[in-house]
Amino acid sequence: MNAQKQALQNFAFDAAAGRAIRHLCDLGMSAEEIHGRLDFPVPMERLRSEIRKYEEEKAALESGEAGQYRIVKEYGKYGRTTFRRVKIESADKEEKADR
């Protein structure tokens, strides 16, 4: 499957059911309970995958793991702007880099 088609499917799924799944998951519902409450038909495997992915992202944010990166803005040879995600090694090294 090409990347553009997959991106469109992911966008449509998120718009139709993704936010509802995350909300109901935050309320403490199981995958079976969420499946019964959705108006949009979602395969159980996809539902469980979405819940697992959301729980992993939430755990990473709570542990501070997501904050170990910084976005760096760079300009190319012809002025093209790009953004890079850079891992922060430690607070001491970052302070030295800022000076």
N, C-alpha and C. Protein backbone atom coordinates (compact mmCIF):
# COMPACT_ATOMS: atom_id res chain seq x y z
N MET A 1 0.86 -1.18 0.00
CA MET A 1 0.00 0.00 0.00
C MET A 1 0.90 1.24 0.00
N ASN A 2 0.56 2.20 -0.81
CA ASN A 2 1.44 3.37 -0.85
C ASN A 2 1.22 4.25 0.37
N ALA A 3 2.22 5.07 0.64
CA ALA A 3 2.23 5.89 1.86
C ALA A 3 1.10 6.91 1.88
N GLN A 4 0.78 7.48 0.72
CA GLN A 4 -0.27 8.49 0.67
C GLN A 4 -1.64 7.90 1.03
N LYS A 5 -1.91 6.72 0.51
CA LYS A 5 -3.19 6.06 0.81
C LYS A 5 -3.27 5.69 2.29
N GLN A 6 -2.16 5.20 2.85
CA GLN A 6 -2.12 4.85 4.27
C GLN A 6 -2.32 6.08 5.14
N ALA A 7 -1.70 7.19 4.78
CA ALA A 7 -1.87 8.43 5.54
C ALA A 7 -3.31 8.91 5.51
N LEU A 8 -3.96 8.80 4.37
CA LEU A 8 -5.36 9.20 4.26
C LEU A 8 -6.26 8.29 5.10
N GLN A 9 -5.98 7.00 5.10
CA GLN A 9 -6.76 6.07 5.93
C GLN A 9 -6.58 6.38 7.41
N ASN A 10 -5.35 6.67 7.82
CA ASN A 10 -5.10 7.00 9.23
C ASN A 10 -5.82 8.28 9.62
N PHE A 11 -5.82 9.28 8.73
CA PHE A 11 -6.51 10.54 9.00
C PHE A 11 -8.01 10.32 9.14
N ALA A 12 -8.59 9.55 8.22
CA ALA A 12 -10.03 9.29 8.25
C ALA A 12 -10.41 8.50 9.51
N PHE A 13 -9.58 7.54 9.88
CA PHE A 13 -9.85 6.75 11.08
C PHE A 13 -9.80 7.64 12.32
N ASP A 14 -8.79 8.49 12.40
CA ASP A 14 -8.65 9.36 13.56
C ASP A 14 -9.82 10.33 13.66
N ALA A 15 -10.26 10.86 12.52
CA ALA A 15 -11.39 11.80 12.52
C ALA A 15 -12.68 11.09 12.90
N ALA A 16 -12.85 9.85 12.46
CA ALA A 16 -14.10 9.14 12.70
C ALA A 16 -14.16 8.51 14.09
N ALA A 17 -13.07 7.90 14.54
CA ALA A 17 -13.16 7.14 15.78
C ALA A 17 -11.98 7.32 16.73
N GLY A 18 -10.88 7.84 16.27
CA GLY A 18 -9.67 7.91 17.09
C GLY A 18 -9.84 8.70 18.37
N ARG A 19 -10.42 9.88 18.27
CA ARG A 19 -10.59 10.71 19.46
C ARG A 19 -11.58 10.07 20.44
N ALA A 20 -12.62 9.47 19.91
CA ALA A 20 -13.61 8.81 20.76
C ALA A 20 -12.96 7.63 21.50
N ILE A 21 -12.13 6.88 20.81
CA ILE A 21 -11.45 5.74 21.43
C ILE A 21 -10.56 6.23 22.57
N ARG A 22 -9.77 7.27 22.32
CA ARG A 22 -8.89 7.79 23.36
C ARG A 22 -9.68 8.32 24.56
N HIS A 23 -10.79 8.99 24.30
CA HIS A 23 -11.61 9.53 25.37
C HIS A 23 -12.19 8.40 26.22
N LEU A 24 -12.77 7.39 25.58
CA LEU A 24 -13.36 6.28 26.31
C LEU A 24 -12.30 5.46 27.05
N CYS A 25 -11.13 5.38 26.47
CA CYS A 25 -10.01 4.70 27.14
C CYS A 25 -9.62 5.44 28.41
N ASP A 26 -9.61 6.77 28.35
CA ASP A 26 -9.31 7.57 29.54
C ASP A 26 -10.36 7.40 30.62
N LEU A 27 -11.58 7.08 30.22
CA LEU A 27 -12.65 6.84 31.20
C LEU A 27 -12.54 5.47 31.85
N GLY A 28 -11.60 4.64 31.37
CA GLY A 28 -11.36 3.33 31.97
C GLY A 28 -12.11 2.18 31.33
N MET A 29 -12.66 2.39 30.15
CA MET A 29 -13.41 1.33 29.48
C MET A 29 -12.47 0.34 28.81
N SER A 30 -12.90 -0.91 28.72
CA SER A 30 -12.12 -1.94 28.04
C SER A 30 -12.38 -1.86 26.53
N ALA A 31 -11.60 -2.62 25.78
CA ALA A 31 -11.75 -2.62 24.33
C ALA A 31 -13.14 -3.09 23.91
N GLU A 32 -13.68 -4.09 24.61
CA GLU A 32 -15.00 -4.62 24.28
C GLU A 32 -16.08 -3.58 24.56
N GLU A 33 -15.96 -2.86 25.68
CA GLU A 33 -16.93 -1.81 26.00
C GLU A 33 -16.88 -0.67 25.00
N ILE A 34 -15.67 -0.30 24.61
CA ILE A 34 -15.51 0.78 23.63
C ILE A 34 -16.10 0.35 22.29
N HIS A 35 -15.85 -0.90 21.89
CA HIS A 35 -16.36 -1.42 20.62
C HIS A 35 -17.88 -1.34 20.57
N GLY A 36 -18.53 -1.62 21.70
CA GLY A 36 -19.98 -1.57 21.76
C GLY A 36 -20.54 -0.15 21.73
N ARG A 37 -19.76 0.84 22.14
CA ARG A 37 -20.24 2.22 22.21
C ARG A 37 -20.02 3.00 20.92
N LEU A 38 -19.15 2.53 20.03
CA LEU A 38 -18.82 3.28 18.81
C LEU A 38 -19.90 3.14 17.75
N ASP A 39 -20.20 4.24 17.07
CA ASP A 39 -21.13 4.21 15.94
C ASP A 39 -20.40 3.83 14.65
N PHE A 40 -19.11 4.11 14.61
CA PHE A 40 -18.27 3.83 13.44
C PHE A 40 -17.73 2.41 13.55
N PRO A 41 -17.95 1.55 12.53
CA PRO A 41 -17.48 0.16 12.64
C PRO A 41 -15.95 0.07 12.61
N VAL A 42 -15.38 -0.39 13.69
CA VAL A 42 -13.93 -0.52 13.82
C VAL A 42 -13.61 -1.98 14.11
N PRO A 43 -12.72 -2.59 13.33
CA PRO A 43 -12.32 -3.97 13.64
C PRO A 43 -11.67 -4.04 15.02
N MET A 44 -11.93 -5.10 15.75
CA MET A 44 -11.44 -5.24 17.12
C MET A 44 -9.91 -5.19 17.17
N GLU A 45 -9.25 -5.76 16.17
CA GLU A 45 -7.78 -5.75 16.14
C GLU A 45 -7.26 -4.31 16.02
N ARG A 46 -7.89 -3.53 15.16
CA ARG A 46 -7.48 -2.12 14.99
C ARG A 46 -7.77 -1.33 16.26
N LEU A 47 -8.88 -1.62 16.91
CA LEU A 47 -9.24 -0.95 18.15
C LEU A 47 -8.21 -1.24 19.24
N ARG A 48 -7.85 -2.49 19.40
CA ARG A 48 -6.85 -2.86 20.42
C ARG A 48 -5.50 -2.24 20.10
N SER A 49 -5.15 -2.20 18.82
CA SER A 49 -3.89 -1.57 18.41
C SER A 49 -3.87 -0.09 18.75
N GLU A 50 -4.98 0.59 18.50
CA GLU A 50 -5.08 2.02 18.80
C GLU A 50 -5.00 2.28 20.31
N ILE A 51 -5.65 1.44 21.10
CA ILE A 51 -5.60 1.58 22.56
C ILE A 51 -4.18 1.36 23.06
N ARG A 52 -3.52 0.32 22.56
CA ARG A 52 -2.14 0.03 22.97
C ARG A 52 -1.21 1.18 22.62
N LYS A 53 -1.35 1.71 21.41
CA LYS A 53 -0.51 2.83 20.97
C LYS A 53 -0.74 4.06 21.84
N TYR A 54 -2.01 4.32 22.16
CA TYR A 54 -2.34 5.48 22.99
C TYR A 54 -1.78 5.32 24.40
N GLU A 55 -1.89 4.13 24.97
CA GLU A 55 -1.36 3.87 26.31
C GLU A 55 0.15 4.04 26.35
N GLU A 56 0.84 3.60 25.30
CA GLU A 56 2.30 3.75 25.23
C GLU A 56 2.69 5.23 25.14
N GLU A 57 1.97 6.01 24.32
CA GLU A 57 2.25 7.44 24.20
C GLU A 57 1.99 8.15 25.51
N LYS A 58 0.91 7.79 26.18
CA LYS A 58 0.56 8.41 27.46
C LYS A 58 1.61 8.08 28.52
N ALA A 59 2.08 6.84 28.54
CA ALA A 59 3.10 6.44 29.50
C ALA A 59 4.42 7.17 29.24
N ALA A 60 4.77 7.36 27.97
CA ALA A 60 6.00 8.07 27.63
C ALA A 60 5.92 9.52 28.08
N LEU A 61 4.77 10.15 27.92
CA LEU A 61 4.61 11.54 28.35
C LEU A 61 4.68 11.65 29.87
N GLU A 62 4.06 10.72 30.57
CA GLU A 62 4.06 10.76 32.03
C GLU A 62 5.44 10.50 32.62
N SER A 63 6.23 9.67 31.95
CA SER A 63 7.57 9.36 32.48
C SER A 63 8.59 10.43 32.12
N GLY A 64 8.22 11.36 31.26
CA GLY A 64 9.16 12.41 30.86
C GLY A 64 10.03 12.02 29.69
N GLU A 65 9.82 10.83 29.16
CA GLU A 65 10.63 10.35 28.05
C GLU A 65 10.47 11.23 26.81
N ALA A 66 9.27 11.73 26.59
CA ALA A 66 9.01 12.56 25.40
C ALA A 66 9.72 13.90 25.49
N GLY A 67 10.06 14.35 26.69
CA GLY A 67 10.71 15.65 26.86
C GLY A 67 12.21 15.60 26.67
N GLN A 68 12.75 14.47 26.26
CA GLN A 68 14.18 14.34 26.09
C GLN A 68 14.64 14.76 24.70
N TYR A 69 13.77 15.41 23.96
CA TYR A 69 14.11 15.85 22.62
C TYR A 69 13.84 17.34 22.49
N ARG A 70 14.51 17.94 21.55
CA ARG A 70 14.35 19.35 21.28
C ARG A 70 14.26 19.52 19.77
N ILE A 71 13.45 20.44 19.31
CA ILE A 71 13.30 20.69 17.87
C ILE A 71 14.27 21.80 17.47
N VAL A 72 15.05 21.54 16.44
CA VAL A 72 16.03 22.50 15.95
C VAL A 72 15.61 22.96 14.56
N LYS A 73 15.58 24.26 14.35
CA LYS A 73 15.22 24.84 13.05
C LYS A 73 16.51 25.13 12.29
N GLU A 74 16.58 24.65 11.04
CA GLU A 74 17.76 24.85 10.22
C GLU A 74 17.37 25.41 8.86
N TYR A 75 18.30 26.09 8.24
CA TYR A 75 18.07 26.64 6.91
C TYR A 75 19.05 26.00 5.95
N GLY A 76 18.53 25.55 4.81
CA GLY A 76 19.35 24.91 3.80
C GLY A 76 20.10 25.92 2.95
N LYS A 77 20.80 25.41 1.95
CA LYS A 77 21.63 26.24 1.08
C LYS A 77 20.81 27.31 0.36
N TYR A 78 19.59 26.99 -0.04
CA TYR A 78 18.76 27.94 -0.78
C TYR A 78 17.65 28.54 0.09
N GLY A 79 17.82 28.51 1.40
CA GLY A 79 16.87 29.12 2.30
C GLY A 79 15.70 28.24 2.72
N ARG A 80 15.74 26.99 2.34
CA ARG A 80 14.66 26.07 2.72
C ARG A 80 14.74 25.80 4.22
N THR A 81 13.61 25.94 4.90
CA THR A 81 13.55 25.71 6.34
C THR A 81 13.22 24.25 6.62
N THR A 82 13.99 23.65 7.50
CA THR A 82 13.73 22.28 7.93
C THR A 82 13.79 22.22 9.44
N PHE A 83 13.13 21.23 9.99
CA PHE A 83 13.12 21.01 11.44
C PHE A 83 13.66 19.63 11.71
N ARG A 84 14.50 19.54 12.73
CA ARG A 84 15.08 18.27 13.14
C ARG A 84 14.81 18.05 14.61
N ARG A 85 14.56 16.81 14.99
CA ARG A 85 14.40 16.47 16.39
C ARG A 85 15.75 15.99 16.89
N VAL A 86 16.26 16.63 17.94
CA VAL A 86 17.58 16.31 18.48
C VAL A 86 17.41 15.80 19.90
N LYS A 87 18.03 14.68 20.20
CA LYS A 87 17.94 14.12 21.55
C LYS A 87 18.86 14.92 22.48
N ILE A 88 18.35 15.28 23.64
CA ILE A 88 19.12 16.01 24.63
C ILE A 88 19.84 14.98 25.49
N GLU A 89 21.17 15.03 25.48
CA GLU A 89 21.96 14.07 26.25
C GLU A 89 21.87 14.33 27.74
N SER A 90 22.14 15.55 28.16
CA SER A 90 22.01 15.91 29.57
C SER A 90 21.86 17.42 29.67
N ALA A 91 21.44 17.90 30.82
CA ALA A 91 21.24 19.33 31.01
C ALA A 91 22.55 20.08 30.94
N ASP A 92 23.65 19.48 31.41
CA ASP A 92 24.95 20.15 31.37
C ASP A 92 25.41 20.39 29.95
N LYS A 93 25.27 19.41 29.09
CA LYS A 93 25.70 19.54 27.71
C LYS A 93 24.86 20.57 26.97
N GLU A 94 23.57 20.63 27.26
CA GLU A 94 22.69 21.60 26.61
C GLU A 94 23.05 23.02 27.02
N GLU A 95 23.38 23.23 28.29
CA GLU A 95 23.77 24.56 28.74
C GLU A 95 25.04 25.01 28.04
N LYS A 96 26.00 24.11 27.85
CA LYS A 96 27.25 24.44 27.17
C LYS A 96 26.99 24.77 25.70
N ALA A 97 26.06 24.05 25.09
CA ALA A 97 25.74 24.27 23.66
C ALA A 97 25.06 25.62 23.47
N ASP A 98 24.29 26.06 24.44
CA ASP A 98 23.58 27.34 24.31
C ASP A 98 24.51 28.52 24.46
N ARG A 99 25.65 28.34 25.07
CA ARG A 99 26.59 29.47 25.29
C ARG A 99 27.34 29.83 24.08
